[in-house]
Structure formats: C-alpha cells, structure tokens
C-alpha atoms as a PDB file:
ATOM      1  CA  MET A   1       0.000   0.000   0.000  1.00  0.00           C
ATOM      2  CA  LEU A   2       1.394   3.405  -0.989  1.00  0.00           C
ATOM      3  CA  ILE A   3       1.011   6.437   1.207  1.00  0.00           C
ATOM      4  CA  ARG A   4      -1.425   9.168   0.210  1.00  0.00           C
ATOM      5  CA  GLY A   5       1.269  11.380  -1.315  1.00  0.00           C
ATOM      6  CA  ILE A   6       1.286   9.175  -4.405  1.00  0.00           C
ATOM      7  CA  ALA A   7      -2.463   9.468  -4.901  1.00  0.00           C
ATOM      8  CA  THR A   8      -2.283  13.219  -4.383  1.00  0.00           C
ATOM      9  CA  ALA A   9       0.570  13.481  -6.853  1.00  0.00           C
ATOM     10  CA  GLN A  10      -1.360  11.467  -9.422  1.00  0.00           C
ATOM     11  CA  ASN A  11      -4.272  13.870  -9.001  1.00  0.00           C
ATOM     12  CA  ARG A  12      -1.920  16.766  -9.702  1.00  0.00           C
ATOM     13  CA  GLY A  13      -0.715  14.975 -12.819  1.00  0.00           C
ATOM     14  CA  GLU A  14      -4.313  14.519 -13.916  1.00  0.00           C
ATOM     15  CA  GLN A  15      -4.867  18.239 -13.409  1.00  0.00           C
ATOM     16  CA  VAL A  16      -1.955  18.945 -15.727  1.00  0.00           C
ATOM     17  CA  ARG A  17      -3.474  16.757 -18.431  1.00  0.00           C
ATOM     18  CA  GLN A  18      -6.874  18.411 -18.045  1.00  0.00           C
ATOM     19  CA  ASN A  19      -5.377  21.902 -18.297  1.00  0.00           C
ATOM     20  CA  LYS A  20      -3.646  21.276 -21.645  1.00  0.00           C
ATOM     21  CA  THR A  21      -4.400  23.889 -24.293  1.00  0.00           C
ATOM     22  CA  GLN A  22      -6.473  25.912 -21.804  1.00  0.00           C
ATOM     23  CA  THR A  23      -6.265  29.355 -20.288  1.00  0.00           C
ATOM     24  CA  SER A  24      -6.663  29.482 -16.521  1.00  0.00           C
ATOM     25  CA  ASP A  25      -9.185  31.626 -14.672  1.00  0.00           C
ATOM     26  CA  SER A  26      -7.767  35.004 -13.687  1.00  0.00           C
ATOM     27  CA  ILE A  27      -6.885  35.810 -10.081  1.00  0.00           C
ATOM     28  CA  VAL A  28      -7.069  39.346  -8.681  1.00  0.00           C
ATOM     29  CA  SER A  29      -4.177  41.007  -6.823  1.00  0.00           C
ATOM     30  CA  PRO A  30      -4.638  42.101  -3.176  1.00  0.00           C
ATOM     31  CA  SER A  31      -5.358  45.722  -4.174  1.00  0.00           C
ATOM     32  CA  GLY A  32      -7.730  44.696  -6.948  1.00  0.00           C
ATOM     33  CA  ARG A  33      -5.762  46.738  -9.483  1.00  0.00           C
ATOM     34  CA  GLN A  34      -4.186  43.771 -11.287  1.00  0.00           C
ATOM     35  CA  LYS A  35      -5.158  40.298 -12.352  1.00  0.00           C
ATOM     36  CA  ALA A  36      -3.178  37.321 -13.593  1.00  0.00           C
ATOM     37  CA  TYR A  37      -3.772  34.117 -15.485  1.00  0.00           C
ATOM     38  CA  TYR A  38      -1.657  31.638 -17.422  1.00  0.00           C
ATOM     39  CA  GLU A  39      -1.835  30.417 -20.996  1.00  0.00           C
ATOM     40  CA  ASP A  40      -0.726  26.923 -21.956  1.00  0.00           C
ATOM     41  CA  VAL A  41       1.816  26.141 -24.659  1.00  0.00           C
ATOM     42  CA  PRO A  42      -0.136  25.773 -27.932  1.00  0.00           C
ATOM     43  CA  SER A  43       0.557  29.127 -29.609  1.00  0.00           C
ATOM     44  CA  PRO A  44       2.962  29.987 -32.449  1.00  0.00           C
ATOM     45  CA  GLY A  45       6.443  30.925 -31.249  1.00  0.00           C
ATOM     46  CA  ARG A  46       5.955  29.802 -27.632  1.00  0.00           C
ATOM     47  CA  GLU A  47       8.021  27.062 -25.985  1.00  0.00           C
ATOM     48  CA  ALA A  48       6.373  27.083 -22.559  1.00  0.00           C
ATOM     49  CA  PRO A  49       3.264  28.356 -20.745  1.00  0.00           C
ATOM     50  CA  GLU A  50       3.158  32.057 -20.009  1.00  0.00           C
ATOM     51  CA  VAL A  51       1.842  34.038 -17.061  1.00  0.00           C
ATOM     52  CA  VAL A  52      -0.091  37.114 -18.185  1.00  0.00           C
ATOM     53  CA  ILE A  53      -0.481  40.209 -16.001  1.00  0.00           C
ATOM     54  CA  GLN A  54      -3.271  42.670 -16.777  1.00  0.00           C
ATOM     55  CA  THR A  55      -4.826  45.770 -15.295  1.00  0.00           C
ATOM     56  CA  SER A  56      -8.188  45.259 -13.639  1.00  0.00           C
ATOM     57  CA  ASP A  57      -9.947  46.399 -16.835  1.00  0.00           C
ATOM     58  CA  GLY A  58      -8.084  43.904 -19.033  1.00  0.00           C
ATOM     59  CA  HIS A  59      -5.141  45.846 -20.474  1.00  0.00           C
ATOM     60  CA  LYS A  60      -2.032  43.665 -20.730  1.00  0.00           C
ATOM     61  CA  ILE A  61       0.949  44.807 -18.634  1.00  0.00           C
ATOM     62  CA  ARG A  62       3.393  42.003 -19.365  1.00  0.00           C
ATOM     63  CA  SER A  63       3.697  38.246 -19.901  1.00  0.00           C
ATOM     64  CA  PHE A  64       6.529  35.899 -19.033  1.00  0.00           C
ATOM     65  CA  SER A  65       7.527  32.266 -18.861  1.00  0.00           C
ATOM     66  CA  VAL A  66       8.631  30.981 -15.454  1.00  0.00           C
ATOM     67  CA  HIS A  67      12.287  30.034 -15.084  1.00  0.00           C
ATOM     68  CA  LEU A  68      13.195  27.052 -12.915  1.00  0.00           C
ATOM     69  CA  ARG A  69      16.375  26.422 -11.000  1.00  0.00           C
ATOM     70  CA  SER A  70      15.811  22.760 -10.103  1.00  0.00           C
ATOM     71  CA  GLY A  71      17.629  21.358 -13.138  1.00  0.00           C
ATOM     72  CA  ASN A  72      21.250  21.551 -14.258  1.00  0.00           C
ATOM     73  CA  SER A  73      20.508  24.515 -16.505  1.00  0.00           C
ATOM     74  CA  ASP A  74      18.030  27.366 -16.673  1.00  0.00           C
ATOM     75  CA  GLU A  75      14.788  25.645 -17.661  1.00  0.00           C
ATOM     76  CA  LEU A  76      11.282  26.913 -18.297  1.00  0.00           C
ATOM     77  CA  CYS A  77       8.233  25.663 -16.429  1.00  0.00           C
ATOM     78  CA  SER A  78       6.487  23.328 -18.871  1.00  0.00           C
ATOM     79  CA  SER A  79       3.283  22.750 -16.865  1.00  0.00           C
ATOM     80  CA  ILE A  80       1.698  25.241 -14.484  1.00  0.00           C
ATOM     81  CA  LEU A  81      -0.523  23.863 -11.730  1.00  0.00           C
ATOM     82  CA  SER A  82      -1.568  27.092 -10.021  1.00  0.00           C
ATOM     83  CA  LEU A  83      -0.956  30.802  -9.517  1.00  0.00           C
ATOM     84  CA  ALA A  84      -1.285  32.877  -6.343  1.00  0.00           C
ATOM     85  CA  TRP A  85      -0.565  36.488  -5.468  1.00  0.00           C
ATOM     86  CA  VAL A  86       1.945  36.754  -2.601  1.00  0.00           C
ATOM     87  CA  ASN A  87       1.592  40.529  -2.496  1.00  0.00           C
ATOM     88  CA  GLU A  88       0.827  43.292  -5.007  1.00  0.00           C
ATOM     89  CA  HIS A  89       4.139  42.871  -6.831  1.00  0.00           C
ATOM     90  CA  ILE A  90       4.952  39.166  -6.422  1.00  0.00           C
ATOM     91  CA  ILE A  91       3.098  36.225  -7.936  1.00  0.00           C
ATOM     92  CA  ALA A  92       3.790  32.579  -7.098  1.00  0.00           C
ATOM     93  CA  THR A  93       3.644  29.817  -9.691  1.00  0.00           C
ATOM     94  CA  GLU A  94       3.491  26.120  -8.851  1.00  0.00           C
ATOM     95  CA  CYS A  95       5.141  24.137 -11.648  1.00  0.00           C
ATOM     96  CA  HIS A  96       4.672  20.420 -12.212  1.00  0.00           C
ATOM     97  CA  ILE A  97       7.975  18.484 -12.217  1.00  0.00           C
ATOM     98  CA  ASN A  98       6.775  14.909 -11.706  1.00  0.00           C
ATOM     99  CA  PRO A  99       3.769  13.340  -9.939  1.00  0.00           C
ATOM    100  CA  SER A 100       5.548  13.564  -6.568  1.00  0.00           C
ATOM    101  CA  LEU A 101       7.233  16.927  -6.971  1.00  0.00           C
ATOM    102  CA  SER A 102       6.410  20.539  -7.781  1.00  0.00           C
ATOM    103  CA  GLU A 103       8.523  23.676  -7.916  1.00  0.00           C
ATOM    104  CA  TYR A 104       7.298  26.906  -6.359  1.00  0.00           C
ATOM    105  CA  VAL A 105       8.657  30.059  -7.992  1.00  0.00           C
ATOM    106  CA  GLU A 106       7.951  33.661  -7.023  1.00  0.00           C
ATOM    107  CA  THR A 107       8.220  36.242  -9.804  1.00  0.00           C
ATOM    108  CA  ASP A 108       8.279  40.027  -9.611  1.00  0.00           C
ATOM    109  CA  VAL A 109       5.503  41.077 -12.004  1.00  0.00           C
ATOM    110  CA  ARG A 110       7.184  44.462 -12.561  1.00  0.00           C
ATOM    111  CA  THR A 111      10.385  42.944 -13.987  1.00  0.00           C
ATOM    112  CA  GLY A 112       9.581  39.294 -14.754  1.00  0.00           C
ATOM    113  CA  LYS A 113      12.565  38.212 -12.633  1.00  0.00           C
ATOM    114  CA  SER A 114      12.347  35.088 -10.462  1.00  0.00           C
ATOM    115  CA  GLY A 115      12.932  35.157  -6.718  1.00  0.00           C
ATOM    116  CA  ARG A 116      12.139  32.506  -4.094  1.00  0.00           C
ATOM    117  CA  ASP A 117      12.400  29.007  -5.616  1.00  0.00           C
ATOM    118  CA  LEU A 118      11.381  25.907  -3.628  1.00  0.00           C
ATOM    119  CA  LEU A 119      10.917  22.173  -4.230  1.00  0.00           C
ATOM    120  CA  GLY A 120       8.154  20.007  -2.739  1.00  0.00           C
ATOM    121  CA  PHE A 121       4.371  20.360  -2.673  1.00  0.00           C
ATOM    122  CA  ASP A 122       1.456  21.819  -0.639  1.00  0.00           C
ATOM    123  CA  PHE A 123       3.010  25.302  -0.610  1.00  0.00           C
ATOM    124  CA  LYS A 124       1.483  27.796   1.830  1.00  0.00           C
ATOM    125  CA  PRO A 125       2.930  31.336   2.145  1.00  0.00           C
ATOM    126  CA  ALA A 126       2.658  33.020   5.542  1.00  0.00           C
ATOM    127  CA  PRO A 127       0.253  35.968   5.722  1.00  0.00           C
ATOM    128  CA  ASP A 128       3.199  38.377   5.975  1.00  0.00           C
ATOM    129  CA  ALA A 129       4.826  36.696   2.909  1.00  0.00           C
ATOM    130  CA  SER A 130       8.093  36.263   4.817  1.00  0.00           C
ATOM    131  CA  THR A 131       8.273  32.483   4.415  1.00  0.00           C
ATOM    132  CA  VAL A 132       6.532  29.575   2.676  1.00  0.00           C
ATOM    133  CA  ALA A 133       5.559  26.374   4.469  1.00  0.00           C
ATOM    134  CA  HIS A 134       5.592  23.228   2.359  1.00  0.00           C
ATOM    135  CA  VAL A 135       6.238  19.497   2.324  1.00  0.00           C
ATOM    136  CA  GLY A 136       9.810  18.790   1.264  1.00  0.00           C
ATOM    137  CA  TRP A 137      10.567  16.803  -1.878  1.00  0.00           C
ATOM    138  CA  ILE A 138      10.177  13.015  -1.777  1.00  0.00           C
ATOM    139  CA  ILE A 139      11.288  10.312  -4.177  1.00  0.00           C
ATOM    140  CA  HIS A 140       8.854   9.657  -7.013  1.00  0.00           C
ATOM    141  CA  PHE A 141       6.984   6.301  -6.651  1.00  0.00           C
ATOM    142  CA  ALA A 142       9.270   5.098  -3.860  1.00  0.00           C
ATOM    143  CA  ARG A 143       8.248   2.948  -0.898  1.00  0.00           C
ATOM    144  CA  PRO A 144       6.590   4.596   2.140  1.00  0.00           C
ATOM    145  CA  PRO A 145       9.840   4.742   4.182  1.00  0.00           C
ATOM    146  CA  GLU A 146      11.438   6.866   1.452  1.00  0.00           C
ATOM    147  CA  GLN A 147       8.310   9.016   1.208  1.00  0.00           C
ATOM    148  CA  SER A 148       8.025  10.041   4.834  1.00  0.00           C
ATOM    149  CA  TYR A 149       6.800  13.645   4.867  1.00  0.00           C
ATOM    150  CA  TYR A 150       8.770  16.501   6.389  1.00  0.00           C
ATOM    151  CA  LEU A 151       7.958  20.182   6.827  1.00  0.00           C
ATOM    152  CA  GLN A 152      10.033  23.054   5.552  1.00  0.00           C
ATOM    153  CA  PHE A 153       9.902  26.807   6.040  1.00  0.00           C
ATOM    154  CA  ASP A 154      11.439  27.934   2.771  1.00  0.00           C
ATOM    155  CA  GLU A 155      14.590  25.764   2.525  1.00  0.00           C
ATOM    156  CA  LYS A 156      14.850  25.048   6.265  1.00  0.00           C
ATOM    157  CA  ILE A 157      13.694  21.626   7.502  1.00  0.00           C
ATOM    158  CA  VAL A 158      11.852  22.119  10.798  1.00  0.00           C
ATOM    159  CA  TYR A 159       9.785  18.947  11.435  1.00  0.00           C
ATOM    160  CA  PRO A 160      10.164  16.078  12.174  1.00  0.00           C
ATOM    161  CA  LEU A 161      13.809  16.056  13.225  1.00  0.00           C
ATOM    162  CA  PRO A 162      16.077  13.364  14.689  1.00  0.00           C
ATOM    163  CA  ARG A 163      16.430  13.637  18.451  1.00  0.00           C
ATOM    164  CA  GLY A 164      18.754  16.473  19.428  1.00  0.00           C
ATOM    165  CA  LYS A 165      18.979  17.980  15.941  1.00  0.00           C
ATOM    166  CA  LYS A 166      18.011  21.593  15.318  1.00  0.00           C
ATOM    167  CA  PRO A 167      16.272  22.890  12.161  1.00  0.00           C
ATOM    168  CA  PHE A 168      18.681  22.960   9.251  1.00  0.00           C
ATOM    169  CA  LYS A 169      18.808  24.219   5.688  1.00  0.00           C
ATOM    170  CA  GLN A 170      18.384  21.634   2.943  1.00  0.00           C
ATOM    171  CA  ARG A 171      20.958  21.883   0.190  1.00  0.00           C
ATOM    172  CA  HIS A 172      19.259  21.504  -3.187  1.00  0.00           C
ATOM    173  CA  LEU A 173      18.247  17.813  -3.522  1.00  0.00           C
ATOM    174  CA  ASP A 174      19.689  16.411  -0.301  1.00  0.00           C
ATOM    175  CA  ARG A 175      17.463  13.790   1.281  1.00  0.00           C
ATOM    176  CA  GLY A 176      15.073  14.662   4.081  1.00  0.00           C
ATOM    177  CA  PRO A 177      15.668  14.023   7.807  1.00  0.00           C
ATOM    178  CA  LEU A 178      16.435  10.434   8.840  1.00  0.00           C
ATOM    179  CA  VAL A 179      13.647   9.806  11.349  1.00  0.00           C
ATOM    180  CA  VAL A 180      12.333   6.441  10.137  1.00  0.00           C
ATOM    181  CA  THR A 181      13.813   3.408  11.901  1.00  0.00           C
ATOM    182  CA  LYS A 182      13.862  -0.233  10.815  1.00  0.00           C
ATOM    183  CA  LYS A 183      13.623  -3.571  12.599  1.00  0.00           C
ATOM    184  CA  GLY A 184      13.495  -6.637  10.374  1.00  0.00           C
ATOM    185  CA  ASP A 185      11.064  -5.935   7.541  1.00  0.00           C
ATOM    186  CA  THR A 186       9.185  -3.246   9.513  1.00  0.00           C
ATOM    187  CA  TYR A 187       9.804   0.499   9.232  1.00  0.00           C
ATOM    188  CA  THR A 188       8.682   2.628  12.174  1.00  0.00           C
ATOM    189  CA  GLY A 189       7.716   6.289  12.431  1.00  0.00           C
ATOM    190  CA  ILE A 190       6.697   7.183   8.874  1.00  0.00           C
ATOM    191  CA  HIS A 191       5.034  10.612   8.672  1.00  0.00           C
ATOM    192  CA  GLU A 192       2.182  11.676   6.421  1.00  0.00           C
ATOM    193  CA  PHE A 193       0.516  15.100   6.607  1.00  0.00           C
ATOM    194  CA  ALA A 194      -3.132  15.719   5.818  1.00  0.00           C
ATOM    195  CA  PRO A 195      -3.615  18.478   3.224  1.00  0.00           C
ATOM    196  CA  GLY A 196      -4.237  21.947   4.611  1.00  0.00           C
ATOM    197  CA  PHE A 197      -1.472  23.924   6.309  1.00  0.00           C
ATOM    198  CA  SER A 198      -2.924  26.833   8.296  1.00  0.00           C
ATOM    199  CA  TRP A 199      -0.890  29.889   9.361  1.00  0.00           C
ATOM    200  CA  SER A 200      -1.804  31.960  12.400  1.00  0.00           C
ATOM    201  CA  PRO A 201      -2.838  35.536  11.508  1.00  0.00           C
ATOM    202  CA  ASP A 202       0.431  36.935  12.911  1.00  0.00           C
ATOM    203  CA  SER A 203       2.508  34.463  10.809  1.00  0.00           C
ATOM    204  CA  LYS A 204       4.224  33.085  13.925  1.00  0.00           C
ATOM    205  CA  HIS A 205       2.707  29.572  14.017  1.00  0.00           C
ATOM    206  CA  LEU A 206       1.637  26.915  11.544  1.00  0.00           C
ATOM    207  CA  ALA A 207      -0.974  24.256  12.306  1.00  0.00           C
ATOM    208  CA  PHE A 208      -1.455  20.974  10.462  1.00  0.00           C
ATOM    209  CA  ILE A 209      -2.389  17.311  10.917  1.00  0.00           C
ATOM    210  CA  ASP A 210       0.466  14.794  11.109  1.00  0.00           C
ATOM    211  CA  CYS A 211      -0.261  11.062  11.001  1.00  0.00           C
ATOM    212  CA  THR A 212       2.425   8.459  11.695  1.00  0.00           C
ATOM    213  CA  PHE A 213       2.445   4.769  10.952  1.00  0.00           C
ATOM    214  CA  ASP A 214       4.633   1.683  10.716  1.00  0.00           C
ATOM    215  CA  TRP A 215       4.957  -0.266   7.486  1.00  0.00           C
ATOM    216  CA  THR A 216       5.976  -3.859   6.872  1.00  0.00           C
ATOM    217  CA  SER A 217       7.184  -4.851   3.411  1.00  0.00           C
ATOM    218  CA  ASP A 218       5.700  -7.888   1.691  1.00  0.00           C
ATOM    219  CA  ASP A 219       9.008  -8.488  -0.087  1.00  0.00           C
ATOM    220  CA  GLU A 220      11.935  -6.590   1.406  1.00  0.00           C
ATOM    221  CA  ALA A 221      14.478  -8.241  -0.872  1.00  0.00           C
ATOM    222  CA  SER A 222      12.849  -6.850  -4.026  1.00  0.00           C
ATOM    223  CA  GLN A 223      12.309  -3.350  -2.581  1.00  0.00           C
ATOM    224  CA  SER A 224       8.632  -3.672  -3.507  1.00  0.00           C
ATOM    225  CA  PRO A 225       6.304  -0.796  -2.531  1.00  0.00           C
ATOM    226  CA  ILE A 226       3.640  -3.329  -1.499  1.00  0.00           C
ATOM    227  CA  GLY A 227       3.204  -3.835   2.226  1.00  0.00           C
ATOM    228  CA  GLU A 228       0.958  -3.335   5.251  1.00  0.00           C
ATOM    229  CA  ARG A 229       0.446  -0.386   7.592  1.00  0.00           C
ATOM    230  CA  SER A 230       0.148  -0.694  11.357  1.00  0.00           C
ATOM    231  CA  TYR A 231       0.173   1.416  14.553  1.00  0.00           C
ATOM    232  CA  GLN A 232      -1.384   4.469  12.934  1.00  0.00           C
ATOM    233  CA  SER A 233      -1.987   7.623  14.988  1.00  0.00           C
ATOM    234  CA  CYS A 234      -2.702  11.291  14.197  1.00  0.00           C
ATOM    235  CA  SER A 235      -2.114  14.598  15.968  1.00  0.00           C
ATOM    236  CA  LEU A 236      -2.587  18.289  15.419  1.00  0.00           C
ATOM    237  CA  ILE A 237       0.833  19.930  15.320  1.00  0.00           C
ATOM    238  CA  VAL A 238       1.315  23.632  16.023  1.00  0.00           C
ATOM    239  CA  ILE A 239       4.858  24.755  15.258  1.00  0.00           C
ATOM    240  CA  ASP A 240       6.592  28.118  15.500  1.00  0.00           C
ATOM    241  CA  ARG A 241       9.108  29.628  13.093  1.00  0.00           C
ATOM    242  CA  ASN A 242      12.052  28.200  15.098  1.00  0.00           C
ATOM    243  CA  GLY A 243      10.792  24.611  14.992  1.00  0.00           C
ATOM    244  CA  LYS A 244       9.384  24.454  18.535  1.00  0.00           C
ATOM    245  CA  TYR A 245       6.089  22.605  18.415  1.00  0.00           C
ATOM    246  CA  SER A 246       3.134  21.429  20.486  1.00  0.00           C
ATOM    247  CA  GLN A 247       1.382  18.139  19.761  1.00  0.00           C
ATOM    248  CA  PHE A 248      -2.325  17.542  20.347  1.00  0.00           C
ATOM    249  CA  PRO A 249      -3.228  13.850  19.814  1.00  0.00           C
ATOM    250  CA  ASP A 250      -6.520  13.265  18.036  1.00  0.00           C
ATOM    251  CA  SER A 251      -8.910  10.335  18.233  1.00  0.00           C
ATOM    252  CA  CYS A 252      -8.630   9.521  14.534  1.00  0.00           C
ATOM    253  CA  ARG A 253      -5.922   7.157  13.314  1.00  0.00           C
ATOM    254  CA  ASP A 254      -6.183   7.421   9.531  1.00  0.00           C
ATOM    255  CA  VAL A 255      -5.052  10.394   7.447  1.00  0.00           C
ATOM    256  CA  GLU A 256      -7.863   9.795   4.953  1.00  0.00           C
ATOM    257  CA  THR A 257     -10.369  10.812   7.667  1.00  0.00           C
ATOM    258  CA  TYR A 258      -9.021  14.361   7.466  1.00  0.00           C
ATOM    259  CA  GLN A 259      -9.822  14.900   3.789  1.00  0.00           C
ATOM    260  CA  ASN A 260     -12.741  17.190   4.686  1.00  0.00           C
ATOM    261  CA  SER A 261     -11.289  18.625   7.882  1.00  0.00           C
ATOM    262  CA  SER A 262     -10.490  22.288   8.490  1.00  0.00           C
ATOM    263  CA  ILE A 263      -8.201  24.274  10.778  1.00  0.00           C
ATOM    264  CA  GLN A 264      -9.245  27.848  11.500  1.00  0.00           C
ATOM    265  CA  TRP A 265      -7.385  30.358  13.657  1.00  0.00           C
ATOM    266  CA  THR A 266      -9.672  32.502  15.840  1.00  0.00           C
ATOM    267  CA  ALA A 267      -6.799  34.620  17.224  1.00  0.00           C
ATOM    268  CA  ALA A 268      -3.000  34.598  17.209  1.00  0.00           C
ATOM    269  CA  ASN A 269      -2.958  31.977  19.988  1.00  0.00           C
ATOM    270  CA  SER A 270      -6.173  30.024  19.481  1.00  0.00           C
ATOM    271  CA  LEU A 271      -7.696  27.848  16.775  1.00  0.00           C
ATOM    272  CA  VAL A 272     -10.415  25.330  16.090  1.00  0.00           C
ATOM    273  CA  LEU A 273     -10.038  21.941  14.422  1.00  0.00           C
ATOM    274  CA  TYR A 274     -13.092  20.499  12.717  1.00  0.00           C
ATOM    275  CA  ALA A 275     -12.597  16.843  11.811  1.00  0.00           C
ATOM    276  CA  HIS A 276     -14.701  13.664  11.639  1.00  0.00           C
ATOM    277  CA  GLY A 277     -17.781  15.575  12.844  1.00  0.00           C
ATOM    278  CA  ILE A 278     -16.134  17.016  15.957  1.00  0.00           C
ATOM    279  CA  LEU A 279     -15.258  20.653  16.658  1.00  0.00           C
ATOM    280  CA  ARG A 280     -12.233  21.038  18.920  1.00  0.00           C
ATOM    281  CA  LYS A 281     -10.985  24.333  20.409  1.00  0.00           C
ATOM    282  CA  ILE A 282      -7.265  24.690  21.147  1.00  0.00           C
ATOM    283  CA  THR A 283      -5.280  27.450  22.842  1.00  0.00           C
ATOM    284  CA  ILE A 284      -1.519  27.855  22.335  1.00  0.00           C
ATOM    285  CA  ARG A 285       0.368  28.810  25.499  1.00  0.00           C
END
C-alpha cells in the first residue's frame, strides 16, 4: 500500500493533463488593481506556458515564462498547476515536475525576474509573505519509508527532526531528515501530513495534521512498494518559526479521515479543528 502522497501526486498529474491547451481563470491582486492568469503552450512561437499580467480592466501589462532552477541549466516551467498572489508585486507559480514533486517560484511582475524558488508540494505562504511552508521533496513512486513527509519553512527543515537535531537548511536535492527506523522488515515512524497547512494571523505559528504509521514490506528483498500499515496515529501539530512545536493527539488514526477537515485560527494563539464531525478548540500557550 502506498502512502497518500502518491495518490495526491497522481491527481496533480491529472490536473496537468486536463489543463492542456487551456487558459486558466484570472486571479485578482490584493489591491484589486491587477489580475493574472496563465496560458498553456499551444501558440505559435511559444516554448512554454506564459503568465499574463493585466490591469483590472483587461489591459495587458506584461507576460513571461517561469524560469526554474531545479535542473542543471536554466529551464522553463512546462506545466503550471496554479498561480497565487503573494503581495501586489509578487506572484507565485506552482510548476509540475513529476507526480511527486512541484517547484514553487515567485516572480516580480514588474520585472519578470524570479525570486524565491522551492521544491516540494502543498506550498502555503505566511500571511506576511516572509516564508513559505511546504512538504519537502520526496522520491517519485518510492516505498513509504522513502516518502516520509517533512515540513520546511522555505529551505529550512523544521519537522520532524532526529532527536537532538536543530532545524537545518536543505541543500538543493539532499534527502530529508532520517527519522524512520527499521527492525526486520518493519519500518517505524513514517510521517504523512493531511492536506491543509494553516498559518496563524500573525505568521508566527503553523498548524497541520500529522499522522504516523509503521509499514511492513511484503518483499523486502525486491524493494517492492507493497506492504501493510500498522500502529497508525494522528495529531494536530502547532509549530513556530524556530521549529518548537506542540502536539495535540486526536482520536482519529487514519489520514484519509481528514480529507474534509479544516483548521481555522480565531486569534494569534487560538484555533479550532473540525474533523470527523467534531469541533475542537485549542489554545496555544
């Protein structure tokens, strides 16, 4: 059994296929004075999709292709999954790399120049735009032990960490933190986050659901991705910008139960979790 990240990644791949030859819906900037959308490749003289910036009344300001820095050379984003305004002058593009990996690129709409560039998926900028929370990159179609989720703030890995290790900056495509342990054919402590990172309004804390499980391979010798989960448990995690976190165990044990859940902050130090028909109020001390 593969962890949910594969299914999610396949859904993103399906979205790419559905978006071929289409123009996306426009999104309005925070001030309402600009809007943006992207056009897919099929057009004479174009090699890649383009992001188009317009005034609110439809006059074109500029268009540009998104440059990536994940490869060995300067490449263009060949498939755009989504756009989002970070602030009035910066727009973020999520580019499809493979079914388990996206690249998040911020571009200055005034100059067309790229800025922040991150690898992973489930990107969530903080309200003050100072950092982006996201799941770090994982190996495409690997076994669950190699796909254990980990949280990053920009390029810094903050959770989960090996005992005694402080948050650290990931260098390009270095592997994630080594927190999964093995005994025989069983791997212990694999992490999987439910979709839906939620920043506090003051950008100081992030809340999300983390589920852990053990996994036993059906055929360890062949490195097969087929196996069985056990000892599943889930918690709400609230983590600050320095990696200090609080854990609130939940009654549910399966990440799939959180597909329709929501986390809403009611103040800078309080939030509510709605999941599996239960509303839970939590205060951060």
